[in-house]
Amino acid sequence: MIRKLIWGVILLLFGLWIWLANLGVIKHSFSFNRDWPIIIIIIGIMTLIEGFVWRKRRCK
């Protein structure tokens, strides 16, 4: 289940990077629509939560 945590972090960071680039906080050389990376961020957060819940249940 550690893979879910790793993928969650990767998706979260990737989504944040794209979102910040779209908002002009960081520079990029490509263009995306403005807010679609939020979906990636939400998927990453959900994956992280699922991994933590699974880990907590496993430790009981």
PDB file of N, CA and C in Angstrom:
ATOM      1  N   MET A   1       0.813  -1.186   0.000  1.00  0.00           N
ATOM      2  CA  MET A   1       0.000   0.000   0.000  1.00  0.00           C
ATOM      3  C   MET A   1       0.861   1.256   0.000  1.00  0.00           C
ATOM      4  N   ILE A   2       2.151   1.086   0.207  1.00  0.00           N
ATOM      5  CA  ILE A   2       3.053   2.247   0.152  1.00  0.00           C
ATOM      6  C   ILE A   2       3.032   2.863  -1.251  1.00  0.00           C
ATOM      7  N   ARG A   3       2.731   2.041  -2.254  1.00  0.00           N
ATOM      8  CA  ARG A   3       2.644   2.560  -3.623  1.00  0.00           C
ATOM      9  C   ARG A   3       1.541   3.600  -3.740  1.00  0.00           C
ATOM     10  N   LYS A   4       0.414   3.373  -3.059  1.00  0.00           N
ATOM     11  CA  LYS A   4      -0.681   4.349  -3.103  1.00  0.00           C
ATOM     12  C   LYS A   4      -0.234   5.681  -2.503  1.00  0.00           C
ATOM     13  N   LEU A   5       0.527   5.617  -1.427  1.00  0.00           N
ATOM     14  CA  LEU A   5       1.022   6.852  -0.815  1.00  0.00           C
ATOM     15  C   LEU A   5       1.968   7.580  -1.762  1.00  0.00           C
ATOM     16  N   ILE A   6       2.846   6.833  -2.394  1.00  0.00           N
ATOM     17  CA  ILE A   6       3.807   7.443  -3.320  1.00  0.00           C
ATOM     18  C   ILE A   6       3.081   8.054  -4.510  1.00  0.00           C
ATOM     19  N   TRP A   7       2.140   7.307  -5.104  1.00  0.00           N
ATOM     20  CA  TRP A   7       1.393   7.841  -6.238  1.00  0.00           C
ATOM     21  C   TRP A   7       0.555   9.039  -5.827  1.00  0.00           C
ATOM     22  N   GLY A   8       0.012   9.007  -4.626  1.00  0.00           N
ATOM     23  CA  GLY A   8      -0.749  10.151  -4.138  1.00  0.00           C
ATOM     24  C   GLY A   8       0.107  11.404  -4.049  1.00  0.00           C
ATOM     25  N   VAL A   9       1.300  11.256  -3.524  1.00  0.00           N
ATOM     26  CA  VAL A   9       2.219  12.397  -3.416  1.00  0.00           C
ATOM     27  C   VAL A   9       2.625  12.884  -4.808  1.00  0.00           C
ATOM     28  N   ILE A  10       2.924  11.963  -5.710  1.00  0.00           N
ATOM     29  CA  ILE A  10       3.318  12.342  -7.074  1.00  0.00           C
ATOM     30  C   ILE A  10       2.194  13.103  -7.760  1.00  0.00           C
ATOM     31  N   LEU A  11       0.965  12.579  -7.685  1.00  0.00           N
ATOM     32  CA  LEU A  11      -0.163  13.262  -8.317  1.00  0.00           C
ATOM     33  C   LEU A  11      -0.423  14.624  -7.683  1.00  0.00           C
ATOM     34  N   LEU A  12      -0.318  14.684  -6.372  1.00  0.00           N
ATOM     35  CA  LEU A  12      -0.525  15.944  -5.668  1.00  0.00           C
ATOM     36  C   LEU A  12       0.501  16.989  -6.106  1.00  0.00           C
ATOM     37  N   LEU A  13       1.761  16.627  -6.130  1.00  0.00           N
ATOM     38  CA  LEU A  13       2.813  17.571  -6.527  1.00  0.00           C
ATOM     39  C   LEU A  13       2.691  17.978  -7.989  1.00  0.00           C
ATOM     40  N   PHE A  14       2.373  17.016  -8.859  1.00  0.00           N
ATOM     41  CA  PHE A  14       2.215  17.308 -10.286  1.00  0.00           C
ATOM     42  C   PHE A  14       1.045  18.271 -10.503  1.00  0.00           C
ATOM     43  N   GLY A  15      -0.065  17.994  -9.849  1.00  0.00           N
ATOM     44  CA  GLY A  15      -1.222  18.869  -9.972  1.00  0.00           C
ATOM     45  C   GLY A  15      -0.956  20.268  -9.452  1.00  0.00           C
ATOM     46  N   LEU A  16      -0.289  20.355  -8.295  1.00  0.00           N
ATOM     47  CA  LEU A  16       0.068  21.668  -7.751  1.00  0.00           C
ATOM     48  C   LEU A  16       0.990  22.432  -8.677  1.00  0.00           C
ATOM     49  N   TRP A  17       1.950  21.736  -9.272  1.00  0.00           N
ATOM     50  CA  TRP A  17       2.898  22.374 -10.184  1.00  0.00           C
ATOM     51  C   TRP A  17       2.171  22.959 -11.400  1.00  0.00           C
ATOM     52  N   ILE A  18       1.262  22.183 -11.987  1.00  0.00           N
ATOM     53  CA  ILE A  18       0.523  22.665 -13.155  1.00  0.00           C
ATOM     54  C   ILE A  18      -0.395  23.821 -12.766  1.00  0.00           C
ATOM     55  N   TRP A  19      -1.066  23.684 -11.627  1.00  0.00           N
ATOM     56  CA  TRP A  19      -1.995  24.722 -11.186  1.00  0.00           C
ATOM     57  C   TRP A  19      -1.253  26.039 -10.919  1.00  0.00           C
ATOM     58  N   LEU A  20      -0.126  25.971 -10.224  1.00  0.00           N
ATOM     59  CA  LEU A  20       0.656  27.181  -9.947  1.00  0.00           C
ATOM     60  C   LEU A  20       1.196  27.797 -11.235  1.00  0.00           C
ATOM     61  N   ALA A  21       1.558  26.951 -12.186  1.00  0.00           N
ATOM     62  CA  ALA A  21       2.023  27.462 -13.473  1.00  0.00           C
ATOM     63  C   ALA A  21       0.889  28.186 -14.198  1.00  0.00           C
ATOM     64  N   ASN A  22      -0.306  27.638 -14.129  1.00  0.00           N
ATOM     65  CA  ASN A  22      -1.453  28.282 -14.782  1.00  0.00           C
ATOM     66  C   ASN A  22      -1.828  29.598 -14.113  1.00  0.00           C
ATOM     67  N   LEU A  23      -1.602  29.702 -12.837  1.00  0.00           N
ATOM     68  CA  LEU A  23      -1.906  30.941 -12.122  1.00  0.00           C
ATOM     69  C   LEU A  23      -0.794  31.981 -12.268  1.00  0.00           C
ATOM     70  N   GLY A  24       0.319  31.603 -12.884  1.00  0.00           N
ATOM     71  CA  GLY A  24       1.415  32.527 -13.103  1.00  0.00           C
ATOM     72  C   GLY A  24       2.390  32.609 -11.949  1.00  0.00           C
ATOM     73  N   VAL A  25       2.264  31.733 -10.960  1.00  0.00           N
ATOM     74  CA  VAL A  25       3.167  31.745  -9.814  1.00  0.00           C
ATOM     75  C   VAL A  25       4.548  31.240 -10.230  1.00  0.00           C
ATOM     76  N   ILE A  26       4.578  30.213 -11.066  1.00  0.00           N
ATOM     77  CA  ILE A  26       5.842  29.709 -11.616  1.00  0.00           C
ATOM     78  C   ILE A  26       5.768  29.798 -13.137  1.00  0.00           C
ATOM     79  N   LYS A  27       6.897  29.884 -13.776  1.00  0.00           N
ATOM     80  CA  LYS A  27       6.949  30.023 -15.231  1.00  0.00           C
ATOM     81  C   LYS A  27       6.921  28.649 -15.888  1.00  0.00           C
ATOM     82  N   HIS A  28       6.269  28.577 -17.032  1.00  0.00           N
ATOM     83  CA  HIS A  28       6.246  27.347 -17.821  1.00  0.00           C
ATOM     84  C   HIS A  28       6.265  27.712 -19.301  1.00  0.00           C
ATOM     85  N   SER A  29       6.584  26.738 -20.135  1.00  0.00           N
ATOM     86  CA  SER A  29       6.669  27.007 -21.567  1.00  0.00           C
ATOM     87  C   SER A  29       5.516  26.372 -22.335  1.00  0.00           C
ATOM     88  N   PHE A  30       4.501  25.944 -21.663  1.00  0.00           N
ATOM     89  CA  PHE A  30       3.336  25.329 -22.307  1.00  0.00           C
ATOM     90  C   PHE A  30       2.079  25.901 -21.675  1.00  0.00           C
ATOM     91  N   SER A  31       0.944  25.663 -22.306  1.00  0.00           N
ATOM     92  CA  SER A  31      -0.288  26.232 -21.755  1.00  0.00           C
ATOM     93  C   SER A  31      -1.314  25.135 -21.460  1.00  0.00           C
ATOM     94  N   PHE A  32      -1.979  25.286 -20.375  1.00  0.00           N
ATOM     95  CA  PHE A  32      -3.056  24.398 -19.951  1.00  0.00           C
ATOM     96  C   PHE A  32      -4.273  25.266 -19.673  1.00  0.00           C
ATOM     97  N   ASN A  33      -5.427  24.645 -19.610  1.00  0.00           N
ATOM     98  CA  ASN A  33      -6.582  25.393 -19.118  1.00  0.00           C
ATOM     99  C   ASN A  33      -6.319  25.724 -17.659  1.00  0.00           C
ATOM    100  N   ARG A  34      -7.014  26.678 -17.140  1.00  0.00           N
ATOM    101  CA  ARG A  34      -6.649  27.230 -15.850  1.00  0.00           C
ATOM    102  C   ARG A  34      -6.798  26.293 -14.660  1.00  0.00           C
ATOM    103  N   ASP A  35      -7.920  25.668 -14.480  1.00  0.00           N
ATOM    104  CA  ASP A  35      -8.166  24.976 -13.218  1.00  0.00           C
ATOM    105  C   ASP A  35      -8.302  23.455 -13.301  1.00  0.00           C
ATOM    106  N   TRP A  36      -8.056  22.832 -14.447  1.00  0.00           N
ATOM    107  CA  TRP A  36      -8.225  21.383 -14.512  1.00  0.00           C
ATOM    108  C   TRP A  36      -7.247  20.621 -13.623  1.00  0.00           C
ATOM    109  N   PRO A  37      -6.079  21.149 -13.264  1.00  0.00           N
ATOM    110  CA  PRO A  37      -5.190  20.404 -12.365  1.00  0.00           C
ATOM    111  C   PRO A  37      -5.775  20.152 -10.978  1.00  0.00           C
ATOM    112  N   ILE A  38      -6.814  20.894 -10.617  1.00  0.00           N
ATOM    113  CA  ILE A  38      -7.442  20.652  -9.317  1.00  0.00           C
ATOM    114  C   ILE A  38      -7.950  19.220  -9.239  1.00  0.00           C
ATOM    115  N   ILE A  39      -8.394  18.680 -10.379  1.00  0.00           N
ATOM    116  CA  ILE A  39      -8.859  17.286 -10.410  1.00  0.00           C
ATOM    117  C   ILE A  39      -7.719  16.352 -10.032  1.00  0.00           C
ATOM    118  N   ILE A  40      -6.528  16.594 -10.564  1.00  0.00           N
ATOM    119  CA  ILE A  40      -5.365  15.764 -10.234  1.00  0.00           C
ATOM    120  C   ILE A  40      -5.035  15.900  -8.751  1.00  0.00           C
ATOM    121  N   ILE A  41      -5.117  17.110  -8.230  1.00  0.00           N
ATOM    122  CA  ILE A  41      -4.834  17.340  -6.809  1.00  0.00           C
ATOM    123  C   ILE A  41      -5.822  16.567  -5.945  1.00  0.00           C
ATOM    124  N   ILE A  42      -7.095  16.617  -6.296  1.00  0.00           N
ATOM    125  CA  ILE A  42      -8.117  15.909  -5.525  1.00  0.00           C
ATOM    126  C   ILE A  42      -7.886  14.402  -5.578  1.00  0.00           C
ATOM    127  N   ILE A  43      -7.553  13.879  -6.747  1.00  0.00           N
ATOM    128  CA  ILE A  43      -7.260  12.442  -6.866  1.00  0.00           C
ATOM    129  C   ILE A  43      -6.058  12.078  -6.003  1.00  0.00           C
ATOM    130  N   GLY A  44      -5.042  12.922  -6.006  1.00  0.00           N
ATOM    131  CA  GLY A  44      -3.868  12.674  -5.173  1.00  0.00           C
ATOM    132  C   GLY A  44      -4.204  12.671  -3.694  1.00  0.00           C
ATOM    133  N   ILE A  45      -5.007  13.624  -3.267  1.00  0.00           N
ATOM    134  CA  ILE A  45      -5.402  13.689  -1.859  1.00  0.00           C
ATOM    135  C   ILE A  45      -6.233  12.469  -1.483  1.00  0.00           C
ATOM    136  N   MET A  46      -7.165  12.085  -2.358  1.00  0.00           N
ATOM    137  CA  MET A  46      -7.989  10.910  -2.079  1.00  0.00           C
ATOM    138  C   MET A  46      -7.137   9.647  -1.987  1.00  0.00           C
ATOM    139  N   THR A  47      -6.141   9.533  -2.846  1.00  0.00           N
ATOM    140  CA  THR A  47      -5.248   8.377  -2.812  1.00  0.00           C
ATOM    141  C   THR A  47      -4.450   8.359  -1.519  1.00  0.00           C
ATOM    142  N   LEU A  48      -3.964   9.507  -1.088  1.00  0.00           N
ATOM    143  CA  LEU A  48      -3.238   9.594   0.182  1.00  0.00           C
ATOM    144  C   LEU A  48      -4.124   9.189   1.358  1.00  0.00           C
ATOM    145  N   ILE A  49      -5.339   9.713   1.378  1.00  0.00           N
ATOM    146  CA  ILE A  49      -6.256   9.370   2.471  1.00  0.00           C
ATOM    147  C   ILE A  49      -6.542   7.879   2.479  1.00  0.00           C
ATOM    148  N   GLU A  50      -6.773   7.309   1.299  1.00  0.00           N
ATOM    149  CA  GLU A  50      -7.026   5.874   1.207  1.00  0.00           C
ATOM    150  C   GLU A  50      -5.838   5.070   1.733  1.00  0.00           C
ATOM    151  N   GLY A  51      -4.636   5.506   1.406  1.00  0.00           N
ATOM    152  CA  GLY A  51      -3.440   4.825   1.897  1.00  0.00           C
ATOM    153  C   GLY A  51      -3.301   4.914   3.400  1.00  0.00           C
ATOM    154  N   PHE A  52      -3.578   6.082   3.966  1.00  0.00           N
ATOM    155  CA  PHE A  52      -3.496   6.235   5.418  1.00  0.00           C
ATOM    156  C   PHE A  52      -4.559   5.412   6.136  1.00  0.00           C
ATOM    157  N   VAL A  53      -5.766   5.389   5.584  1.00  0.00           N
ATOM    158  CA  VAL A  53      -6.840   4.603   6.192  1.00  0.00           C
ATOM    159  C   VAL A  53      -6.486   3.120   6.153  1.00  0.00           C
ATOM    160  N   TRP A  54      -5.982   2.652   5.015  1.00  0.00           N
ATOM    161  CA  TRP A  54      -5.597   1.249   4.882  1.00  0.00           C
ATOM    162  C   TRP A  54      -4.502   0.904   5.884  1.00  0.00           C
ATOM    163  N   ARG A  55      -3.539   1.796   5.998  1.00  0.00           N
ATOM    164  CA  ARG A  55      -2.418   1.548   6.925  1.00  0.00           C
ATOM    165  C   ARG A  55      -2.893   1.507   8.381  1.00  0.00           C
ATOM    166  N   LYS A  56      -3.820   2.421   8.720  1.00  0.00           N
ATOM    167  CA  LYS A  56      -4.341   2.461  10.076  1.00  0.00           C
ATOM    168  C   LYS A  56      -5.112   1.187  10.406  1.00  0.00           C
ATOM    169  N   ARG A  57      -5.908   0.713   9.454  1.00  0.00           N
ATOM    170  CA  ARG A  57      -6.661  -0.533   9.662  1.00  0.00           C
ATOM    171  C   ARG A  57      -5.728  -1.719   9.795  1.00  0.00           C
ATOM    172  N   ARG A  58      -4.661  -1.724   9.046  1.00  0.00           N
ATOM    173  CA  ARG A  58      -3.701  -2.831   9.060  1.00  0.00           C
ATOM    174  C   ARG A  58      -2.974  -2.921  10.393  1.00  0.00           C
ATOM    175  N   CYS A  59      -2.724  -1.771  11.012  1.00  0.00           N
ATOM    176  CA  CYS A  59      -1.980  -1.747  12.274  1.00  0.00           C
ATOM    177  C   CYS A  59      -2.810  -2.184  13.472  1.00  0.00           C
ATOM    178  N   LYS A  60      -4.129  -2.262  13.320  1.00  0.00           N
ATOM    179  CA  LYS A  60      -4.984  -2.666  14.446  1.00  0.00           C
ATOM    180  C   LYS A  60      -4.895  -4.135  14.715  1.00  0.00           C
TER     181      LYS A  60
END
